[in-house]
Amino acid sequence: MEGSQAKFDPDRYQGSPNVSVTDGYLVAGLGALSFLLVNFVVIAIGPSRHVKGDKWRWRNTLVSWIHAVCLGLWTLY
């Protein structure tokens, strides 16, 4: 059974014909930049006056919510 399965060899891997390594770096970099941008915007807006307690928790929840909305819309698209 072992002979019928192809083994992965990282030294011979050529990558995907559909996606280049540069595209992967670009997507990862743009993702990090967009996260930072959303985080700075949320900090600039600040929490509602009704928020009591940890302000970082409010910021983390809002950034996570924005992330979920973006991914949900992208999935529907």
Protein backbone atom coordinates (compact mmCIF):
# COMPACT_ATOMS: atom_id res chain seq x y z
CA MET A 1 0.00 0.00 0.00
CA GLU A 2 2.89 2.32 0.72
CA GLY A 3 4.11 2.25 -2.88
CA SER A 4 0.79 3.55 -4.26
CA GLN A 5 0.90 6.84 -2.33
CA ALA A 6 3.05 9.74 -3.50
CA LYS A 7 5.34 11.05 -0.79
CA PHE A 8 5.94 14.73 -0.26
CA ASP A 9 9.53 15.78 -0.86
CA PRO A 10 10.15 19.40 0.24
CA ASP A 11 13.41 19.54 -1.74
CA ARG A 12 11.63 18.84 -5.02
CA TYR A 13 8.44 20.85 -4.38
CA GLN A 14 7.89 23.44 -7.10
CA GLY A 15 4.89 25.20 -5.59
CA SER A 16 1.41 25.62 -6.94
CA PRO A 17 1.02 26.45 -10.62
CA ASN A 18 -1.86 28.79 -9.69
CA VAL A 19 -0.28 30.81 -6.87
CA SER A 20 3.25 32.17 -6.69
CA VAL A 21 5.24 32.66 -3.50
CA THR A 22 5.23 36.42 -4.17
CA ASP A 23 1.42 36.39 -4.10
CA GLY A 24 1.52 34.65 -0.73
CA TYR A 25 3.87 37.26 0.71
CA LEU A 26 1.70 40.03 -0.74
CA VAL A 27 -1.49 38.64 0.80
CA ALA A 28 0.18 38.10 4.19
CA GLY A 29 1.64 41.62 4.16
CA LEU A 30 -1.64 43.23 3.12
CA GLY A 31 -3.47 41.24 5.79
CA ALA A 32 -1.08 42.48 8.49
CA LEU A 33 -1.35 46.07 7.26
CA SER A 34 -5.14 45.94 7.15
CA PHE A 35 -5.21 44.54 10.70
CA LEU A 36 -3.01 47.40 11.88
CA LEU A 37 -5.18 49.94 10.07
CA VAL A 38 -8.39 48.57 11.58
CA ASN A 39 -6.74 48.48 15.01
CA PHE A 40 -5.63 52.13 14.73
CA VAL A 41 -9.08 53.22 13.55
CA VAL A 42 -10.73 51.42 16.47
CA ILE A 43 -8.28 53.07 18.88
CA ALA A 44 -9.01 56.48 17.32
CA ILE A 45 -12.77 55.98 17.62
CA GLY A 46 -12.44 54.87 21.21
CA PRO A 47 -14.93 52.94 23.28
CA SER A 48 -18.46 54.06 23.96
CA ARG A 49 -19.03 56.01 27.15
CA HIS A 50 -21.05 53.03 28.37
CA VAL A 51 -18.00 50.73 28.35
CA LYS A 52 -16.66 50.08 31.81
CA GLY A 53 -13.59 48.07 32.64
CA ASP A 54 -10.88 46.95 30.25
CA LYS A 55 -10.73 49.11 27.14
CA TRP A 56 -8.38 46.62 25.42
CA ARG A 57 -11.12 43.97 25.67
CA TRP A 58 -13.57 46.27 23.89
CA ARG A 59 -10.99 46.98 21.18
CA ASN A 60 -10.16 43.30 20.74
CA THR A 61 -13.85 42.38 20.49
CA LEU A 62 -14.55 45.11 17.93
CA VAL A 63 -11.56 44.18 15.77
CA SER A 64 -12.62 40.51 15.91
CA TRP A 65 -16.18 41.48 14.95
CA ILE A 66 -14.95 43.52 11.98
CA HIS A 67 -12.78 40.58 10.92
CA ALA A 68 -15.77 38.21 11.14
CA VAL A 69 -17.97 40.55 9.09
CA CYS A 70 -15.32 40.91 6.38
CA LEU A 71 -14.78 37.14 6.15
CA GLY A 72 -18.51 36.45 6.19
CA LEU A 73 -19.11 38.88 3.33
CA TRP A 74 -16.16 37.45 1.39
CA THR A 75 -17.54 33.94 1.89
CA LEU A 76 -20.94 34.96 0.57
CA TYR A 77 -19.30 36.62 -2.41
